């Protein structure tokens, strides 16, 4: 669903996409010993994309962590 009233600019969308790719690799790679926590992901992502809500970033983390990908199946 598209939220036309969102304050997110296009640069922050790229940051979110890149963050999700990195999170997916971090959580699924057997070579990464210390997996990123939800708190760390929210903090790191919001540092670069401050207009993105903490709830949205947390939901994105949950999708990757629990489902294994961002898109609904």
PDB file of N, CA and C in Angstrom:
ATOM      1  N   UNK A   1       0.844  -1.166   0.000  1.00  0.00           N
ATOM      2  CA  UNK A   1       0.000   0.000   0.000  1.00  0.00           C
ATOM      3  C   UNK A   1       0.891   1.231   0.000  1.00  0.00           C
ATOM      4  N   UNK A   2       0.539   2.215  -0.773  1.00  0.00           N
ATOM      5  CA  UNK A   2       1.314   3.445  -0.902  1.00  0.00           C
ATOM      6  C   UNK A   2       0.764   4.484   0.072  1.00  0.00           C
ATOM      7  N   UNK A   3       1.659   5.082   0.851  1.00  0.00           N
ATOM      8  CA  UNK A   3       1.266   6.113   1.797  1.00  0.00           C
ATOM      9  C   UNK A   3       1.735   7.452   1.262  1.00  0.00           C
ATOM     10  N   UNK A   4       0.852   8.191   0.632  1.00  0.00           N
ATOM     11  CA  UNK A   4       1.212   9.455   0.014  1.00  0.00           C
ATOM     12  C   UNK A   4       1.506  10.546   1.040  1.00  0.00           C
ATOM     13  N   UNK A   5       1.092  10.362   2.273  1.00  0.00           N
ATOM     14  CA  UNK A   5       1.319  11.365   3.295  1.00  0.00           C
ATOM     15  C   UNK A   5       2.590  11.098   4.094  1.00  0.00           C
ATOM     16  N   UNK A   6       3.346  10.119   3.704  1.00  0.00           N
ATOM     17  CA  UNK A   6       4.586   9.781   4.397  1.00  0.00           C
ATOM     18  C   UNK A   6       5.624  10.870   4.176  1.00  0.00           C
ATOM     19  N   UNK A   7       6.454  11.108   5.183  1.00  0.00           N
ATOM     20  CA  UNK A   7       7.505  12.117   5.088  1.00  0.00           C
ATOM     21  C   UNK A   7       8.824  11.548   4.610  1.00  0.00           C
ATOM     22  N   UNK A   8       8.836  10.302   4.187  1.00  0.00           N
ATOM     23  CA  UNK A   8      10.059   9.631   3.783  1.00  0.00           C
ATOM     24  C   UNK A   8      10.470  10.112   2.390  1.00  0.00           C
ATOM     25  N   UNK A   9      11.729  10.509   2.252  1.00  0.00           N
ATOM     26  CA  UNK A   9      12.250  10.944   0.957  1.00  0.00           C
ATOM     27  C   UNK A   9      12.913   9.762   0.261  1.00  0.00           C
ATOM     28  N   UNK A  10      13.161   9.904  -1.030  1.00  0.00           N
ATOM     29  CA  UNK A  10      13.666   8.782  -1.826  1.00  0.00           C
ATOM     30  C   UNK A  10      15.000   8.247  -1.313  1.00  0.00           C
ATOM     31  N   UNK A  11      15.870   9.105  -0.805  1.00  0.00           N
ATOM     32  CA  UNK A  11      17.147   8.624  -0.265  1.00  0.00           C
ATOM     33  C   UNK A  11      16.930   7.669   0.902  1.00  0.00           C
ATOM     34  N   UNK A  12      15.929   7.945   1.710  1.00  0.00           N
ATOM     35  CA  UNK A  12      15.648   7.078   2.850  1.00  0.00           C
ATOM     36  C   UNK A  12      15.062   5.743   2.407  1.00  0.00           C
ATOM     37  N   UNK A  13      14.378   5.723   1.289  1.00  0.00           N
ATOM     38  CA  UNK A  13      13.879   4.461   0.754  1.00  0.00           C
ATOM     39  C   UNK A  13      15.059   3.586   0.353  1.00  0.00           C
ATOM     40  N   UNK A  14      16.069   4.168  -0.274  1.00  0.00           N
ATOM     41  CA  UNK A  14      17.265   3.418  -0.636  1.00  0.00           C
ATOM     42  C   UNK A  14      17.982   2.897   0.605  1.00  0.00           C
ATOM     43  N   UNK A  15      18.043   3.716   1.638  1.00  0.00           N
ATOM     44  CA  UNK A  15      18.666   3.287   2.896  1.00  0.00           C
ATOM     45  C   UNK A  15      17.909   2.097   3.484  1.00  0.00           C
ATOM     46  N   UNK A  16      16.583   2.170   3.474  1.00  0.00           N
ATOM     47  CA  UNK A  16      15.777   1.060   3.985  1.00  0.00           C
ATOM     48  C   UNK A  16      16.025  -0.218   3.185  1.00  0.00           C
ATOM     49  N   UNK A  17      16.044  -0.103   1.878  1.00  0.00           N
ATOM     50  CA  UNK A  17      16.277  -1.278   1.033  1.00  0.00           C
ATOM     51  C   UNK A  17      17.640  -1.890   1.307  1.00  0.00           C
ATOM     52  N   UNK A  18      18.655  -1.060   1.374  1.00  0.00           N
ATOM     53  CA  UNK A  18      19.999  -1.552   1.648  1.00  0.00           C
ATOM     54  C   UNK A  18      20.063  -2.179   3.044  1.00  0.00           C
ATOM     55  N   UNK A  19      19.439  -1.543   4.014  1.00  0.00           N
ATOM     56  CA  UNK A  19      19.422  -2.068   5.380  1.00  0.00           C
ATOM     57  C   UNK A  19      18.763  -3.439   5.433  1.00  0.00           C
ATOM     58  N   UNK A  20      17.694  -3.619   4.674  1.00  0.00           N
ATOM     59  CA  UNK A  20      16.995  -4.899   4.659  1.00  0.00           C
ATOM     60  C   UNK A  20      17.841  -5.994   4.003  1.00  0.00           C
ATOM     61  N   UNK A  21      18.557  -5.638   2.955  1.00  0.00           N
ATOM     62  CA  UNK A  21      19.453  -6.610   2.318  1.00  0.00           C
ATOM     63  C   UNK A  21      20.543  -7.025   3.290  1.00  0.00           C
ATOM     64  N   UNK A  22      21.132  -6.051   3.951  1.00  0.00           N
ATOM     65  CA  UNK A  22      22.198  -6.361   4.913  1.00  0.00           C
ATOM     66  C   UNK A  22      21.664  -7.177   6.097  1.00  0.00           C
ATOM     67  N   UNK A  23      20.472  -6.848   6.557  1.00  0.00           N
ATOM     68  CA  UNK A  23      19.869  -7.606   7.654  1.00  0.00           C
ATOM     69  C   UNK A  23      19.622  -9.053   7.242  1.00  0.00           C
ATOM     70  N   UNK A  24      19.111  -9.244   6.047  1.00  0.00           N
ATOM     71  CA  UNK A  24      18.841 -10.590   5.561  1.00  0.00           C
ATOM     72  C   UNK A  24      20.116 -11.423   5.512  1.00  0.00           C
ATOM     73  N   UNK A  25      21.185 -10.835   5.011  1.00  0.00           N
ATOM     74  CA  UNK A  25      22.467 -11.539   4.973  1.00  0.00           C
ATOM     75  C   UNK A  25      22.957 -11.819   6.387  1.00  0.00           C
ATOM     76  N   UNK A  26      22.845 -10.828   7.249  1.00  0.00           N
ATOM     77  CA  UNK A  26      23.304 -10.975   8.637  1.00  0.00           C
ATOM     78  C   UNK A  26      22.575 -12.116   9.345  1.00  0.00           C
ATOM     79  N   UNK A  27      21.265 -12.185   9.172  1.00  0.00           N
ATOM     80  CA  UNK A  27      20.472 -13.178   9.903  1.00  0.00           C
ATOM     81  C   UNK A  27      20.552 -14.575   9.306  1.00  0.00           C
ATOM     82  N   UNK A  28      20.830 -14.673   8.016  1.00  0.00           N
ATOM     83  CA  UNK A  28      20.805 -15.990   7.379  1.00  0.00           C
ATOM     84  C   UNK A  28      22.178 -16.598   7.138  1.00  0.00           C
ATOM     85  N   UNK A  29      23.220 -15.805   7.184  1.00  0.00           N
ATOM     86  CA  UNK A  29      24.551 -16.333   6.894  1.00  0.00           C
ATOM     87  C   UNK A  29      25.104 -17.115   8.086  1.00  0.00           C
ATOM     88  N   UNK A  30      25.580 -18.319   7.846  1.00  0.00           N
ATOM     89  CA  UNK A  30      26.182 -19.094   8.935  1.00  0.00           C
ATOM     90  C   UNK A  30      27.552 -18.547   9.360  1.00  0.00           C
ATOM     91  N   UNK A  31      28.116 -17.662   8.533  1.00  0.00           N
ATOM     92  CA  UNK A  31      29.428 -17.094   8.835  1.00  0.00           C
ATOM     93  C   UNK A  31      29.357 -15.936   9.825  1.00  0.00           C
ATOM     94  N   UNK A  32      28.170 -15.379  10.003  1.00  0.00           N
ATOM     95  CA  UNK A  32      27.992 -14.272  10.952  1.00  0.00           C
ATOM     96  C   UNK A  32      27.654 -14.883  12.304  1.00  0.00           C
ATOM     97  N   UNK A  33      28.564 -14.713  13.254  1.00  0.00           N
ATOM     98  CA  UNK A  33      28.380 -15.326  14.580  1.00  0.00           C
ATOM     99  C   UNK A  33      27.450 -14.498  15.470  1.00  0.00           C
ATOM    100  N   UNK A  34      27.631 -13.188  15.478  1.00  0.00           N
ATOM    101  CA  UNK A  34      26.818 -12.302  16.329  1.00  0.00           C
ATOM    102  C   UNK A  34      25.736 -11.649  15.469  1.00  0.00           C
ATOM    103  N   UNK A  35      24.540 -12.200  15.531  1.00  0.00           N
ATOM    104  CA  UNK A  35      23.424 -11.704  14.729  1.00  0.00           C
ATOM    105  C   UNK A  35      22.942 -10.355  15.261  1.00  0.00           C
ATOM    106  N   UNK A  36      22.492  -9.503  14.340  1.00  0.00           N
ATOM    107  CA  UNK A  36      22.006  -8.184  14.714  1.00  0.00           C
ATOM    108  C   UNK A  36      20.675  -8.300  15.444  1.00  0.00           C
ATOM    109  N   UNK A  37      20.568  -7.595  16.548  1.00  0.00           N
ATOM    110  CA  UNK A  37      19.315  -7.592  17.302  1.00  0.00           C
ATOM    111  C   UNK A  37      18.348  -6.578  16.694  1.00  0.00           C
ATOM    112  N   UNK A  38      17.094  -6.707  17.078  1.00  0.00           N
ATOM    113  CA  UNK A  38      16.078  -5.766  16.597  1.00  0.00           C
ATOM    114  C   UNK A  38      16.420  -4.351  17.045  1.00  0.00           C
ATOM    115  N   UNK A  39      16.863  -4.195  18.264  1.00  0.00           N
ATOM    116  CA  UNK A  39      17.222  -2.878  18.783  1.00  0.00           C
ATOM    117  C   UNK A  39      18.362  -2.259  17.979  1.00  0.00           C
ATOM    118  N   UNK A  40      19.377  -3.059  17.652  1.00  0.00           N
ATOM    119  CA  UNK A  40      20.512  -2.561  16.863  1.00  0.00           C
ATOM    120  C   UNK A  40      20.069  -2.163  15.457  1.00  0.00           C
ATOM    121  N   UNK A  41      19.208  -2.986  14.847  1.00  0.00           N
ATOM    122  CA  UNK A  41      18.725  -2.680  13.500  1.00  0.00           C
ATOM    123  C   UNK A  41      17.941  -1.368  13.493  1.00  0.00           C
ATOM    124  N   UNK A  42      17.074  -1.187  14.449  1.00  0.00           N
ATOM    125  CA  UNK A  42      16.291   0.053  14.520  1.00  0.00           C
ATOM    126  C   UNK A  42      17.211   1.249  14.719  1.00  0.00           C
ATOM    127  N   UNK A  43      18.156   1.137  15.641  1.00  0.00           N
ATOM    128  CA  UNK A  43      19.066   2.246  15.919  1.00  0.00           C
ATOM    129  C   UNK A  43      19.900   2.599  14.694  1.00  0.00           C
ATOM    130  N   UNK A  44      20.476   1.595  14.052  1.00  0.00           N
ATOM    131  CA  UNK A  44      21.334   1.839  12.892  1.00  0.00           C
ATOM    132  C   UNK A  44      20.558   2.387  11.709  1.00  0.00           C
ATOM    133  N   UNK A  45      19.376   1.853  11.458  1.00  0.00           N
ATOM    134  CA  UNK A  45      18.586   2.305  10.317  1.00  0.00           C
ATOM    135  C   UNK A  45      18.064   3.709  10.534  1.00  0.00           C
ATOM    136  N   UNK A  46      17.603   4.002  11.731  1.00  0.00           N
ATOM    137  CA  UNK A  46      17.058   5.340  11.995  1.00  0.00           C
ATOM    138  C   UNK A  46      18.142   6.404  12.064  1.00  0.00           C
ATOM    139  N   UNK A  47      19.367   5.998  12.295  1.00  0.00           N
ATOM    140  CA  UNK A  47      20.476   6.954  12.255  1.00  0.00           C
ATOM    141  C   UNK A  47      20.641   7.505  10.843  1.00  0.00           C
ATOM    142  N   UNK A  48      20.431   6.659   9.841  1.00  0.00           N
ATOM    143  CA  UNK A  48      20.581   7.072   8.442  1.00  0.00           C
ATOM    144  C   UNK A  48      19.267   7.541   7.825  1.00  0.00           C
ATOM    145  N   UNK A  49      18.146   7.081   8.352  1.00  0.00           N
ATOM    146  CA  UNK A  49      16.824   7.430   7.818  1.00  0.00           C
ATOM    147  C   UNK A  49      15.939   7.870   8.980  1.00  0.00           C
ATOM    148  N   UNK A  50      16.173   9.064   9.444  1.00  0.00           N
ATOM    149  CA  UNK A  50      15.531   9.536  10.674  1.00  0.00           C
ATOM    150  C   UNK A  50      14.026   9.767  10.549  1.00  0.00           C
ATOM    151  N   UNK A  51      13.525   9.963   9.349  1.00  0.00           N
ATOM    152  CA  UNK A  51      12.097  10.217   9.186  1.00  0.00           C
ATOM    153  C   UNK A  51      11.254   8.947   9.196  1.00  0.00           C
ATOM    154  N   UNK A  52      11.911   7.818   9.124  1.00  0.00           N
ATOM    155  CA  UNK A  52      11.200   6.538   9.116  1.00  0.00           C
ATOM    156  C   UNK A  52      10.830   6.190  10.555  1.00  0.00           C
ATOM    157  N   UNK A  53       9.602   5.792  10.765  1.00  0.00           N
ATOM    158  CA  UNK A  53       9.134   5.518  12.126  1.00  0.00           C
ATOM    159  C   UNK A  53       9.799   4.271  12.702  1.00  0.00           C
ATOM    160  N   UNK A  54       9.971   4.297  13.989  1.00  0.00           N
ATOM    161  CA  UNK A  54      10.563   3.163  14.701  1.00  0.00           C
ATOM    162  C   UNK A  54       9.696   1.917  14.554  1.00  0.00           C
ATOM    163  N   UNK A  55       8.375   2.102  14.540  1.00  0.00           N
ATOM    164  CA  UNK A  55       7.455   0.975  14.384  1.00  0.00           C
ATOM    165  C   UNK A  55       7.614   0.303  13.024  1.00  0.00           C
ATOM    166  N   UNK A  56       7.758   1.100  11.966  1.00  0.00           N
ATOM    167  CA  UNK A  56       7.934   0.544  10.632  1.00  0.00           C
ATOM    168  C   UNK A  56       9.231  -0.259  10.551  1.00  0.00           C
ATOM    169  N   UNK A  57      10.312   0.310  11.055  1.00  0.00           N
ATOM    170  CA  UNK A  57      11.602  -0.377  11.010  1.00  0.00           C
ATOM    171  C   UNK A  57      11.533  -1.661  11.835  1.00  0.00           C
ATOM    172  N   UNK A  58      10.884  -1.615  12.974  1.00  0.00           N
ATOM    173  CA  UNK A  58      10.722  -2.810  13.794  1.00  0.00           C
ATOM    174  C   UNK A  58       9.899  -3.879  13.092  1.00  0.00           C
ATOM    175  N   UNK A  59       8.832  -3.471  12.402  1.00  0.00           N
ATOM    176  CA  UNK A  59       8.018  -4.425  11.649  1.00  0.00           C
ATOM    177  C   UNK A  59       8.805  -5.057  10.505  1.00  0.00           C
ATOM    178  N   UNK A  60       9.636  -4.256   9.848  1.00  0.00           N
ATOM    179  CA  UNK A  60      10.469  -4.794   8.772  1.00  0.00           C
ATOM    180  C   UNK A  60      11.449  -5.826   9.318  1.00  0.00           C
ATOM    181  N   UNK A  61      12.034  -5.534  10.480  1.00  0.00           N
ATOM    182  CA  UNK A  61      12.943  -6.504  11.110  1.00  0.00           C
ATOM    183  C   UNK A  61      12.202  -7.802  11.408  1.00  0.00           C
ATOM    184  N   UNK A  62      11.014  -7.677  11.981  1.00  0.00           N
ATOM    185  CA  UNK A  62      10.227  -8.870  12.316  1.00  0.00           C
ATOM    186  C   UNK A  62       9.936  -9.706  11.076  1.00  0.00           C
ATOM    187  N   UNK A  63       9.599  -9.042   9.963  1.00  0.00           N
ATOM    188  CA  UNK A  63       9.329  -9.778   8.727  1.00  0.00           C
ATOM    189  C   UNK A  63      10.539 -10.571   8.275  1.00  0.00           C
ATOM    190  N   UNK A  64      11.699  -9.958   8.290  1.00  0.00           N
ATOM    191  CA  UNK A  64      12.908 -10.642   7.844  1.00  0.00           C
ATOM    192  C   UNK A  64      13.286 -11.736   8.832  1.00  0.00           C
ATOM    193  N   UNK A  65      13.174 -11.448  10.112  1.00  0.00           N
ATOM    194  CA  UNK A  65      13.580 -12.412  11.140  1.00  0.00           C
ATOM    195  C   UNK A  65      12.627 -13.608  11.218  1.00  0.00           C
ATOM    196  N   UNK A  66      11.338 -13.330  11.221  1.00  0.00           N
ATOM    197  CA  UNK A  66      10.367 -14.400  11.426  1.00  0.00           C
ATOM    198  C   UNK A  66       9.963 -15.119  10.136  1.00  0.00           C
ATOM    199  N   UNK A  67       9.845 -14.375   9.048  1.00  0.00           N
ATOM    200  CA  UNK A  67       9.365 -14.949   7.801  1.00  0.00           C
ATOM    201  C   UNK A  67      10.522 -15.283   6.871  1.00  0.00           C
ATOM    202  N   UNK A  68      11.606 -14.535   6.965  1.00  0.00           N
ATOM    203  CA  UNK A  68      12.761 -14.783   6.112  1.00  0.00           C
ATOM    204  C   UNK A  68      12.848 -13.872   4.911  1.00  0.00           C
ATOM    205  N   UNK A  69      11.838 -13.027   4.713  1.00  0.00           N
ATOM    206  CA  UNK A  69      11.844 -12.069   3.622  1.00  0.00           C
ATOM    207  C   UNK A  69      10.846 -10.966   3.938  1.00  0.00           C
ATOM    208  N   UNK A  70      10.832  -9.934   3.124  1.00  0.00           N
ATOM    209  CA  UNK A  70       9.999  -8.782   3.409  1.00  0.00           C
ATOM    210  C   UNK A  70       8.601  -8.938   2.810  1.00  0.00           C
ATOM    211  N   UNK A  71       8.493  -9.485   1.614  1.00  0.00           N
ATOM    212  CA  UNK A  71       7.196  -9.594   0.933  1.00  0.00           C
ATOM    213  C   UNK A  71       6.343 -10.679   1.575  1.00  0.00           C
ATOM    214  N   UNK A  72       5.055 -10.416   1.627  1.00  0.00           N
ATOM    215  CA  UNK A  72       4.114 -11.418   2.152  1.00  0.00           C
ATOM    216  C   UNK A  72       3.993 -12.569   1.171  1.00  0.00           C
ATOM    217  N   UNK A  73       3.825 -13.766   1.700  1.00  0.00           N
ATOM    218  CA  UNK A  73       3.701 -14.930   0.804  1.00  0.00           C
ATOM    219  C   UNK A  73       2.272 -15.302   0.542  1.00  0.00           C
TER     220      UNK A  73
END
